[in-house]
PDB file of N, CA and C in Angstrom:
ATOM      1  N   MET A   1     -71.100-158.430  73.952  1.00  0.00           N
ATOM      2  CA  MET A   1     -71.554-159.673  74.525  1.00  0.00           C
ATOM      3  C   MET A   1     -72.737-160.171  73.693  1.00  0.00           C
ATOM      4  N   ASP A   2     -72.714-161.437  73.308  1.00  0.00           N
ATOM      5  CA  ASP A   2     -73.820-161.906  72.490  1.00  0.00           C
ATOM      6  C   ASP A   2     -75.024-162.268  73.354  1.00  0.00           C
ATOM      7  N   ASN A   3     -76.179-162.412  72.708  1.00  0.00           N
ATOM      8  CA  ASN A   3     -77.437-162.602  73.428  1.00  0.00           C
ATOM      9  C   ASN A   3     -77.439-163.838  74.311  1.00  0.00           C
ATOM     10  N   LYS A   4     -76.861-164.941  73.844  1.00  0.00           N
ATOM     11  CA  LYS A   4     -76.876-166.169  74.646  1.00  0.00           C
ATOM     12  C   LYS A   4     -76.137-165.974  75.967  1.00  0.00           C
ATOM     13  N   MET A   5     -75.072-165.179  75.944  1.00  0.00           N
ATOM     14  CA  MET A   5     -74.328-164.925  77.170  1.00  0.00           C
ATOM     15  C   MET A   5     -75.138-164.076  78.144  1.00  0.00           C
ATOM     16  N   ARG A   6     -76.079-163.289  77.643  1.00  0.00           N
ATOM     17  CA  ARG A   6     -76.897-162.447  78.507  1.00  0.00           C
ATOM     18  C   ARG A   6     -78.110-163.195  79.038  1.00  0.00           C
ATOM     19  N   GLY A   7     -78.337-164.419  78.565  1.00  0.00           N
ATOM     20  CA  GLY A   7     -79.471-165.194  79.036  1.00  0.00           C
ATOM     21  C   GLY A   7     -80.799-164.780  78.429  1.00  0.00           C
ATOM     22  N   ILE A   8     -80.757-164.228  77.223  1.00  0.00           N
ATOM     23  CA  ILE A   8     -81.988-163.845  76.544  1.00  0.00           C
ATOM     24  C   ILE A   8     -82.049-164.557  75.203  1.00  0.00           C
ATOM     25  N   GLU A   9     -83.197-164.514  74.581  1.00  0.00           N
ATOM     26  CA  GLU A   9     -83.409-165.190  73.306  1.00  0.00           C
ATOM     27  C   GLU A   9     -82.607-164.526  72.189  1.00  0.00           C
ATOM     28  N   ARG A  10     -82.412-165.275  71.126  1.00  0.00           N
ATOM     29  CA  ARG A  10     -81.662-164.790  69.969  1.00  0.00           C
ATOM     30  C   ARG A  10     -82.319-163.572  69.327  1.00  0.00           C
ATOM     31  N   THR A  11     -83.622-163.430  69.471  1.00  0.00           N
ATOM     32  CA  THR A  11     -84.359-162.317  68.864  1.00  0.00           C
ATOM     33  C   THR A  11     -84.563-161.152  69.828  1.00  0.00           C
ATOM     34  N   GLN A  12     -83.901-161.195  70.976  1.00  0.00           N
ATOM     35  CA  GLN A  12     -84.066-160.149  71.980  1.00  0.00           C
ATOM     36  C   GLN A  12     -82.792-159.336  72.148  1.00  0.00           C
ATOM     37  N   TYR A  13     -82.982-158.046  72.404  1.00  0.00           N
ATOM     38  CA  TYR A  13     -81.864-157.116  72.525  1.00  0.00           C
ATOM     39  C   TYR A  13     -82.142-156.149  73.662  1.00  0.00           C
ATOM     40  N   ILE A  14     -81.098-155.824  74.419  1.00  0.00           N
ATOM     41  CA  ILE A  14     -81.217-154.872  75.516  1.00  0.00           C
ATOM     42  C   ILE A  14     -80.663-153.536  75.042  1.00  0.00           C
ATOM     43  N   GLY A  15     -81.475-152.489  75.197  1.00  0.00           N
ATOM     44  CA  GLY A  15     -81.064-151.145  74.818  1.00  0.00           C
ATOM     45  C   GLY A  15     -80.981-150.248  76.038  1.00  0.00           C
ATOM     46  N   ASN A  16     -80.090-149.271  75.966  1.00  0.00           N
ATOM     47  CA  ASN A  16     -79.875-148.344  77.079  1.00  0.00           C
ATOM     48  C   ASN A  16     -80.266-146.926  76.695  1.00  0.00           C
ATOM     49  N   GLY A  17     -80.848-146.236  77.646  1.00  0.00           N
ATOM     50  CA  GLY A  17     -81.185-144.832  77.500  1.00  0.00           C
ATOM     51  C   GLY A  17     -80.993-144.149  78.842  1.00  0.00           C
ATOM     52  N   PHE A  18     -81.005-142.829  78.833  1.00  0.00           N
ATOM     53  CA  PHE A  18     -80.817-142.080  80.078  1.00  0.00           C
ATOM     54  C   PHE A  18     -81.851-140.979  80.185  1.00  0.00           C
ATOM     55  N   SER A  19     -82.438-140.855  81.351  1.00  0.00           N
ATOM     56  CA  SER A  19     -83.415-139.812  81.633  1.00  0.00           C
ATOM     57  C   SER A  19     -82.757-138.763  82.520  1.00  0.00           C
ATOM     58  N   ALA A  20     -83.048-137.517  82.260  1.00  0.00           N
ATOM     59  CA  ALA A  20     -82.496-136.440  83.074  1.00  0.00           C
ATOM     60  C   ALA A  20     -82.928-136.565  84.537  1.00  0.00           C
ATOM     61  N   TYR A  21     -84.070-137.185  84.751  1.00  0.00           N
ATOM     62  CA  TYR A  21     -84.612-137.296  86.113  1.00  0.00           C
ATOM     63  C   TYR A  21     -84.266-138.597  86.796  1.00  0.00           C
ATOM     64  N   GLY A  22     -84.275-139.679  86.058  1.00  0.00           N
ATOM     65  CA  GLY A  22     -84.157-140.976  86.714  1.00  0.00           C
ATOM     66  C   GLY A  22     -82.884-141.738  86.467  1.00  0.00           C
ATOM     67  N   GLY A  23     -81.993-141.237  85.622  1.00  0.00           N
ATOM     68  CA  GLY A  23     -80.768-141.967  85.338  1.00  0.00           C
ATOM     69  C   GLY A  23     -80.967-143.028  84.276  1.00  0.00           C
ATOM     70  N   GLU A  24     -80.314-144.178  84.450  1.00  0.00           N
ATOM     71  CA  GLU A  24     -80.317-145.229  83.434  1.00  0.00           C
ATOM     72  C   GLU A  24     -81.680-145.897  83.279  1.00  0.00           C
ATOM     73  N   LEU A  25     -82.011-146.181  82.028  1.00  0.00           N
ATOM     74  CA  LEU A  25     -83.243-146.889  81.703  1.00  0.00           C
ATOM     75  C   LEU A  25     -82.867-147.952  80.674  1.00  0.00           C
ATOM     76  N   LYS A  26     -83.388-149.173  80.839  1.00  0.00           N
ATOM     77  CA  LYS A  26     -83.100-150.272  79.908  1.00  0.00           C
ATOM     78  C   LYS A  26     -84.404-150.853  79.388  1.00  0.00           C
ATOM     79  N   VAL A  27     -84.367-151.231  78.103  1.00  0.00           N
ATOM     80  CA  VAL A  27     -85.506-151.921  77.505  1.00  0.00           C
ATOM     81  C   VAL A  27     -85.058-153.280  76.985  1.00  0.00           C
ATOM     82  N   LEU A  28     -86.012-154.195  76.916  1.00  0.00           N
ATOM     83  CA  LEU A  28     -85.811-155.492  76.293  1.00  0.00           C
ATOM     84  C   LEU A  28     -86.692-155.516  75.058  1.00  0.00           C
ATOM     85  N   LEU A  29     -86.058-155.529  73.903  1.00  0.00           N
ATOM     86  CA  LEU A  29     -86.742-155.506  72.615  1.00  0.00           C
ATOM     87  C   LEU A  29     -86.740-156.907  72.030  1.00  0.00           C
ATOM     88  N   THR A  30     -87.906-157.362  71.582  1.00  0.00           N
ATOM     89  CA  THR A  30     -87.991-158.600  70.815  1.00  0.00           C
ATOM     90  C   THR A  30     -88.248-158.191  69.378  1.00  0.00           C
ATOM     91  N   TYR A  31     -87.336-158.592  68.484  1.00  0.00           N
ATOM     92  CA  TYR A  31     -87.345-158.113  67.101  1.00  0.00           C
ATOM     93  C   TYR A  31     -87.058-159.288  66.177  1.00  0.00           C
ATOM     94  N   GLN A  32     -87.943-159.488  65.216  1.00  0.00           N
ATOM     95  CA  GLN A  32     -87.750-160.585  64.266  1.00  0.00           C
ATOM     96  C   GLN A  32     -88.412-160.225  62.947  1.00  0.00           C
ATOM     97  N   ASP A  33     -87.759-160.570  61.841  1.00  0.00           N
ATOM     98  CA  ASP A  33     -88.284-160.309  60.497  1.00  0.00           C
ATOM     99  C   ASP A  33     -88.658-158.838  60.313  1.00  0.00           C
ATOM    100  N   ASP A  34     -87.762-157.943  60.744  1.00  0.00           N
ATOM    101  CA  ASP A  34     -87.948-156.493  60.616  1.00  0.00           C
ATOM    102  C   ASP A  34     -89.186-155.976  61.337  1.00  0.00           C
ATOM    103  N   LYS A  35     -89.558-156.628  62.409  1.00  0.00           N
ATOM    104  CA  LYS A  35     -90.763-156.233  63.144  1.00  0.00           C
ATOM    105  C   LYS A  35     -90.496-156.242  64.645  1.00  0.00           C
ATOM    106  N   ILE A  36     -90.953-155.175  65.311  1.00  0.00           N
ATOM    107  CA  ILE A  36     -90.895-155.128  66.773  1.00  0.00           C
ATOM    108  C   ILE A  36     -92.059-155.970  67.294  1.00  0.00           C
ATOM    109  N   LEU A  37     -91.736-157.071  67.937  1.00  0.00           N
ATOM    110  CA  LEU A  37     -92.766-157.972  68.460  1.00  0.00           C
ATOM    111  C   LEU A  37     -93.155-157.631  69.888  1.00  0.00           C
ATOM    112  N   ASP A  38     -92.174-157.119  70.667  1.00  0.00           N
ATOM    113  CA  ASP A  38     -92.448-156.788  72.062  1.00  0.00           C
ATOM    114  C   ASP A  38     -91.401-155.780  72.530  1.00  0.00           C
ATOM    115  N   LEU A  39     -91.780-154.972  73.490  1.00  0.00           N
ATOM    116  CA  LEU A  39     -90.871-154.002  74.089  1.00  0.00           C
ATOM    117  C   LEU A  39     -91.251-153.857  75.555  1.00  0.00           C
ATOM    118  N   GLN A  40     -90.286-154.128  76.424  1.00  0.00           N
ATOM    119  CA  GLN A  40     -90.516-154.025  77.863  1.00  0.00           C
ATOM    120  C   GLN A  40     -89.439-153.144  78.489  1.00  0.00           C
ATOM    121  N   VAL A  41     -89.845-152.256  79.375  1.00  0.00           N
ATOM    122  CA  VAL A  41     -88.876-151.488  80.162  1.00  0.00           C
ATOM    123  C   VAL A  41     -88.485-152.395  81.319  1.00  0.00           C
ATOM    124  N   ILE A  42     -87.197-152.753  81.379  1.00  0.00           N
ATOM    125  CA  ILE A  42     -86.750-153.722  82.383  1.00  0.00           C
ATOM    126  C   ILE A  42     -85.961-153.085  83.525  1.00  0.00           C
ATOM    127  N   LYS A  43     -85.564-151.815  83.347  1.00  0.00           N
ATOM    128  CA  LYS A  43     -84.870-151.113  84.430  1.00  0.00           C
ATOM    129  C   LYS A  43     -85.166-149.635  84.286  1.00  0.00           C
ATOM    130  N   HIS A  44     -85.550-149.021  85.391  1.00  0.00           N
ATOM    131  CA  HIS A  44     -85.775-147.575  85.384  1.00  0.00           C
ATOM    132  C   HIS A  44     -85.767-147.059  86.811  1.00  0.00           C
ATOM    133  N   HIS A  45     -85.675-145.760  86.924  1.00  0.00           N
ATOM    134  CA  HIS A  45     -85.714-145.072  88.220  1.00  0.00           C
ATOM    135  C   HIS A  45     -86.610-143.844  88.074  1.00  0.00           C
ATOM    136  N   GLU A  46     -87.678-144.007  87.331  1.00  0.00           N
ATOM    137  CA  GLU A  46     -88.532-142.874  86.999  1.00  0.00           C
ATOM    138  C   GLU A  46     -89.506-142.545  88.122  1.00  0.00           C
ATOM    139  N   SER A  47     -89.972-141.315  88.112  1.00  0.00           N
ATOM    140  CA  SER A  47     -90.941-140.834  89.098  1.00  0.00           C
ATOM    141  C   SER A  47     -92.346-141.282  88.705  1.00  0.00           C
ATOM    142  N   GLU A  48     -93.304-140.936  89.505  1.00  0.00           N
ATOM    143  CA  GLU A  48     -94.703-141.228  89.184  1.00  0.00           C
ATOM    144  C   GLU A  48     -95.117-140.574  87.877  1.00  0.00           C
ATOM    145  N   MET A  49     -94.605-139.386  87.618  1.00  0.00           N
ATOM    146  CA  MET A  49     -94.931-138.684  86.381  1.00  0.00           C
ATOM    147  C   MET A  49     -94.435-139.490  85.177  1.00  0.00           C
ATOM    148  N   GLY A  50     -93.259-140.051  85.282  1.00  0.00           N
ATOM    149  CA  GLY A  50     -92.692-140.843  84.197  1.00  0.00           C
ATOM    150  C   GLY A  50     -93.401-142.165  83.990  1.00  0.00           C
ATOM    151  N   LYS A  51     -94.162-142.596  84.981  1.00  0.00           N
ATOM    152  CA  LYS A  51     -94.862-143.877  84.887  1.00  0.00           C
ATOM    153  C   LYS A  51     -95.826-143.899  83.705  1.00  0.00           C
ATOM    154  N   TRP A  52     -96.406-142.771  83.355  1.00  0.00           N
ATOM    155  CA  TRP A  52     -97.311-142.718  82.188  1.00  0.00           C
ATOM    156  C   TRP A  52     -96.589-143.210  80.943  1.00  0.00           C
ATOM    157  N   ALA A  53     -95.365-142.718  80.746  1.00  0.00           N
ATOM    158  CA  ALA A  53     -94.593-143.126  79.571  1.00  0.00           C
ATOM    159  C   ALA A  53     -94.212-144.599  79.658  1.00  0.00           C
ATOM    160  N   LEU A  54     -93.851-145.062  80.850  1.00  0.00           N
ATOM    161  CA  LEU A  54     -93.491-146.468  81.019  1.00  0.00           C
ATOM    162  C   LEU A  54     -94.660-147.381  80.656  1.00  0.00           C
ATOM    163  N   ASP A  55     -95.866-146.947  80.968  1.00  0.00           N
ATOM    164  CA  ASP A  55     -97.059-147.748  80.702  1.00  0.00           C
ATOM    165  C   ASP A  55     -97.529-147.664  79.255  1.00  0.00           C
ATOM    166  N   GLU A  56     -97.440-146.481  78.651  1.00  0.00           N
ATOM    167  CA  GLU A  56     -98.059-146.253  77.345  1.00  0.00           C
ATOM    168  C   GLU A  56     -97.120-146.302  76.147  1.00  0.00           C
ATOM    169  N   LEU A  57     -95.905-145.830  76.300  1.00  0.00           N
ATOM    170  CA  LEU A  57     -95.031-145.675  75.140  1.00  0.00           C
ATOM    171  C   LEU A  57     -94.611-146.991  74.487  1.00  0.00           C
ATOM    172  N   PRO A  58     -94.288-148.042  75.235  1.00  0.00           N
ATOM    173  CA  PRO A  58     -93.921-149.290  74.550  1.00  0.00           C
ATOM    174  C   PRO A  58     -94.999-149.783  73.577  1.00  0.00           C
ATOM    175  N   GLY A  59     -96.255-149.666  73.927  1.00  0.00           N
ATOM    176  CA  GLY A  59     -97.334-150.084  73.034  1.00  0.00           C
ATOM    177  C   GLY A  59     -97.390-149.241  71.774  1.00  0.00           C
ATOM    178  N   LYS A  60     -97.147-147.935  71.917  1.00  0.00           N
ATOM    179  CA  LYS A  60     -97.128-147.052  70.743  1.00  0.00           C
ATOM    180  C   LYS A  60     -95.976-147.412  69.810  1.00  0.00           C
ATOM    181  N   ILE A  61     -94.826-147.737  70.390  1.00  0.00           N
ATOM    182  CA  ILE A  61     -93.652-148.105  69.593  1.00  0.00           C
ATOM    183  C   ILE A  61     -93.899-149.424  68.861  1.00  0.00           C
ATOM    184  N   ILE A  62     -94.479-150.397  69.543  1.00  0.00           N
ATOM    185  CA  ILE A  62     -94.787-151.688  68.906  1.00  0.00           C
ATOM    186  C   ILE A  62     -95.769-151.472  67.756  1.00  0.00           C
ATOM    187  N   ALA A  63     -96.817-150.705  67.984  1.00  0.00           N
ATOM    188  CA  ALA A  63     -97.831-150.464  66.954  1.00  0.00           C
ATOM    189  C   ALA A  63     -97.244-149.756  65.737  1.00  0.00           C
ATOM    190  N   ALA A  64     -96.315-148.831  65.954  1.00  0.00           N
ATOM    191  CA  ALA A  64     -95.702-148.080  64.855  1.00  0.00           C
ATOM    192  C   ALA A  64     -94.518-148.826  64.232  1.00  0.00           C
ATOM    193  N   ASN A  65     -94.052-149.867  64.917  1.00  0.00           N
ATOM    194  CA  ASN A  65     -92.857-150.605  64.503  1.00  0.00           C
ATOM    195  C   ASN A  65     -91.662-149.653  64.357  1.00  0.00           C
ATOM    196  N   SER A  66     -91.615-148.671  65.268  1.00  0.00           N
ATOM    197  CA  SER A  66     -90.582-147.642  65.202  1.00  0.00           C
ATOM    198  C   SER A  66     -90.517-146.882  66.524  1.00  0.00           C
ATOM    199  N   ALA A  67     -89.316-146.365  66.829  1.00  0.00           N
ATOM    200  CA  ALA A  67     -89.162-145.506  68.004  1.00  0.00           C
ATOM    201  C   ALA A  67     -89.527-144.063  67.674  1.00  0.00           C
ATOM    202  N   ASP A  68     -89.848-143.789  66.414  1.00  0.00           N
ATOM    203  CA  ASP A  68     -90.197-142.434  65.996  1.00  0.00           C
ATOM    204  C   ASP A  68     -91.690-142.185  66.214  1.00  0.00           C
ATOM    205  N   VAL A  69     -92.056-142.070  67.474  1.00  0.00           N
ATOM    206  CA  VAL A  69     -93.442-141.806  67.869  1.00  0.00           C
ATOM    207  C   VAL A  69     -93.452-140.586  68.783  1.00  0.00           C
ATOM    208  N   ASP A  70     -94.616-139.990  68.946  1.00  0.00           N
ATOM    209  CA  ASP A  70     -94.741-138.867  69.873  1.00  0.00           C
ATOM    210  C   ASP A  70     -94.554-139.362  71.301  1.00  0.00           C
ATOM    211  N   GLY A  71     -93.905-138.529  72.109  1.00  0.00           N
ATOM    212  CA  GLY A  71     -93.741-138.850  73.514  1.00  0.00           C
ATOM    213  C   GLY A  71     -95.048-138.668  74.272  1.00  0.00           C
ATOM    214  N   ILE A  72     -95.026-139.002  75.535  1.00  0.00           N
ATOM    215  CA  ILE A  72     -96.196-138.881  76.402  1.00  0.00           C
ATOM    216  C   ILE A  72     -96.141-137.516  77.083  1.00  0.00           C
ATOM    217  N   THR A  73     -97.199-136.735  76.917  1.00  0.00           N
ATOM    218  CA  THR A  73     -97.283-135.407  77.518  1.00  0.00           C
ATOM    219  C   THR A  73     -97.124-135.510  79.031  1.00  0.00           C
ATOM    220  N   GLY A  74     -96.264-134.680  79.575  1.00  0.00           N
ATOM    221  CA  GLY A  74     -96.018-134.675  81.016  1.00  0.00           C
ATOM    222  C   GLY A  74     -94.910-135.629  81.431  1.00  0.00           C
ATOM    223  N   ALA A  75     -94.412-136.407  80.477  1.00  0.00           N
ATOM    224  CA  ALA A  75     -93.344-137.365  80.780  1.00  0.00           C
ATOM    225  C   ALA A  75     -92.292-137.318  79.667  1.00  0.00           C
ATOM    226  N   SER A  76     -91.886-136.113  79.326  1.00  0.00           N
ATOM    227  CA  SER A  76     -90.973-135.928  78.194  1.00  0.00           C
ATOM    228  C   SER A  76     -89.624-136.601  78.401  1.00  0.00           C
ATOM    229  N   ALA A  77     -89.021-136.440  79.568  1.00  0.00           N
ATOM    230  CA  ALA A  77     -87.700-137.021  79.815  1.00  0.00           C
ATOM    231  C   ALA A  77     -87.753-138.540  79.761  1.00  0.00           C
ATOM    232  N   THR A  78     -88.780-139.122  80.346  1.00  0.00           N
ATOM    233  CA  THR A  78     -88.925-140.578  80.315  1.00  0.00           C
ATOM    234  C   THR A  78     -89.200-141.051  78.898  1.00  0.00           C
ATOM    235  N   SER A  79     -90.025-140.332  78.169  1.00  0.00           N
ATOM    236  CA  SER A  79     -90.310-140.685  76.780  1.00  0.00           C
ATOM    237  C   SER A  79     -89.030-140.689  75.951  1.00  0.00           C
ATOM    238  N   ARG A  80     -88.208-139.654  76.116  1.00  0.00           N
ATOM    239  CA  ARG A  80     -86.938-139.591  75.380  1.00  0.00           C
ATOM    240  C   ARG A  80     -86.046-140.777  75.736  1.00  0.00           C
ATOM    241  N   ALA A  81     -85.982-141.120  77.012  1.00  0.00           N
ATOM    242  CA  ALA A  81     -85.131-142.233  77.448  1.00  0.00           C
ATOM    243  C   ALA A  81     -85.608-143.561  76.861  1.00  0.00           C
ATOM    244  N   ILE A  82     -86.914-143.776  76.834  1.00  0.00           N
ATOM    245  CA  ILE A  82     -87.448-145.020  76.270  1.00  0.00           C
ATOM    246  C   ILE A  82     -87.147-145.092  74.775  1.00  0.00           C
ATOM    247  N   LYS A  83     -87.353-143.983  74.073  1.00  0.00           N
ATOM    248  CA  LYS A  83     -87.089-143.983  72.636  1.00  0.00           C
ATOM    249  C   LYS A  83     -85.595-144.155  72.353  1.00  0.00           C
ATOM    250  N   GLU A  84     -84.743-143.537  73.160  1.00  0.00           N
ATOM    251  CA  GLU A  84     -83.292-143.685  73.010  1.00  0.00           C
ATOM    252  C   GLU A  84     -82.877-145.138  73.224  1.00  0.00           C
ATOM    253  N   ALA A  85     -83.398-145.759  74.260  1.00  0.00           N
ATOM    254  CA  ALA A  85     -83.075-147.157  74.556  1.00  0.00           C
ATOM    255  C   ALA A  85     -83.596-148.078  73.458  1.00  0.00           C
ATOM    256  N   THR A  86     -84.779-147.772  72.937  1.00  0.00           N
ATOM    257  CA  THR A  86     -85.343-148.579  71.851  1.00  0.00           C
ATOM    258  C   THR A  86     -84.485-148.459  70.600  1.00  0.00           C
ATOM    259  N   ARG A  87     -84.063-147.251  70.276  1.00  0.00           N
ATOM    260  CA  ARG A  87     -83.190-147.063  69.103  1.00  0.00           C
ATOM    261  C   ARG A  87     -81.879-147.832  69.270  1.00  0.00           C
ATOM    262  N   ASP A  88     -81.342-147.839  70.484  1.00  0.00           N
ATOM    263  CA  ASP A  88     -80.114-148.585  70.766  1.00  0.00           C
ATOM    264  C   ASP A  88     -80.332-150.076  70.508  1.00  0.00           C
ATOM    265  N   ALA A  89     -81.425-150.616  71.008  1.00  0.00           N
ATOM    266  CA  ALA A  89     -81.724-152.038  70.816  1.00  0.00           C
ATOM    267  C   ALA A  89     -82.005-152.343  69.338  1.00  0.00           C
ATOM    268  N   LEU A  90     -82.728-151.462  68.657  1.00  0.00           N
ATOM    269  CA  LEU A  90     -83.005-151.666  67.236  1.00  0.00           C
ATOM    270  C   LEU A  90     -81.722-151.676  66.416  1.00  0.00           C
ATOM    271  N   GLN A  91     -80.802-150.805  66.747  1.00  0.00           N
ATOM    272  CA  GLN A  91     -79.530-150.767  66.036  1.00  0.00           C
ATOM    273  C   GLN A  91     -78.800-152.102  66.166  1.00  0.00           C
ATOM    274  N   GLN A  92     -78.805-152.660  67.360  1.00  0.00           N
ATOM    275  CA  GLN A  92     -78.186-153.961  67.582  1.00  0.00           C
ATOM    276  C   GLN A  92     -78.890-155.041  66.754  1.00  0.00           C
ATOM    277  N   ALA A  93     -80.226-155.006  66.777  1.00  0.00           N
ATOM    278  CA  ALA A  93     -81.005-156.019  66.066  1.00  0.00           C
ATOM    279  C   ALA A  93     -80.758-155.950  64.564  1.00  0.00           C
ATOM    280  N   GLN A  94     -80.666-154.762  64.029  1.00  0.00           N
ATOM    281  CA  GLN A  94     -80.509-154.603  62.593  1.00  0.00           C
ATOM    282  C   GLN A  94     -79.092-154.899  62.125  1.00  0.00           C
ATOM    283  N   GLN A  95     -78.150-154.964  63.037  1.00  0.00           N
ATOM    284  CA  GLN A  95     -76.778-155.341  62.697  1.00  0.00           C
ATOM    285  C   GLN A  95     -76.617-156.855  62.606  1.00  0.00           C
ATOM    286  N   ASN A  96     -77.563-157.579  63.171  1.00  0.00           N
ATOM    287  CA  ASN A  96     -77.488-159.054  63.143  1.00  0.00           C
ATOM    288  C   ASN A  96     -78.149-159.618  61.928  1.00  0.00           C
TER     289      ASN A  96
END
């Protein structure tokens, strides 16, 4: 499905990841000119422990311009899910 059909901007991509604890997790990546401009977790079912990763990891990924960053201590499963979803969205972005 192309981005216009999903109701998002041409530079935005939705990525999917899965956490062992919370199930499906989705991110909305804004990517333009080989740069991550924004990353938002738009769907999750994470616990309070996972909230640390939800709050902190997107900023680390934006700053590094990569999903290859260290996870958040105490929120390993959520960190993996966010990075997995980001990689999924980046793959889509780089194919366009």
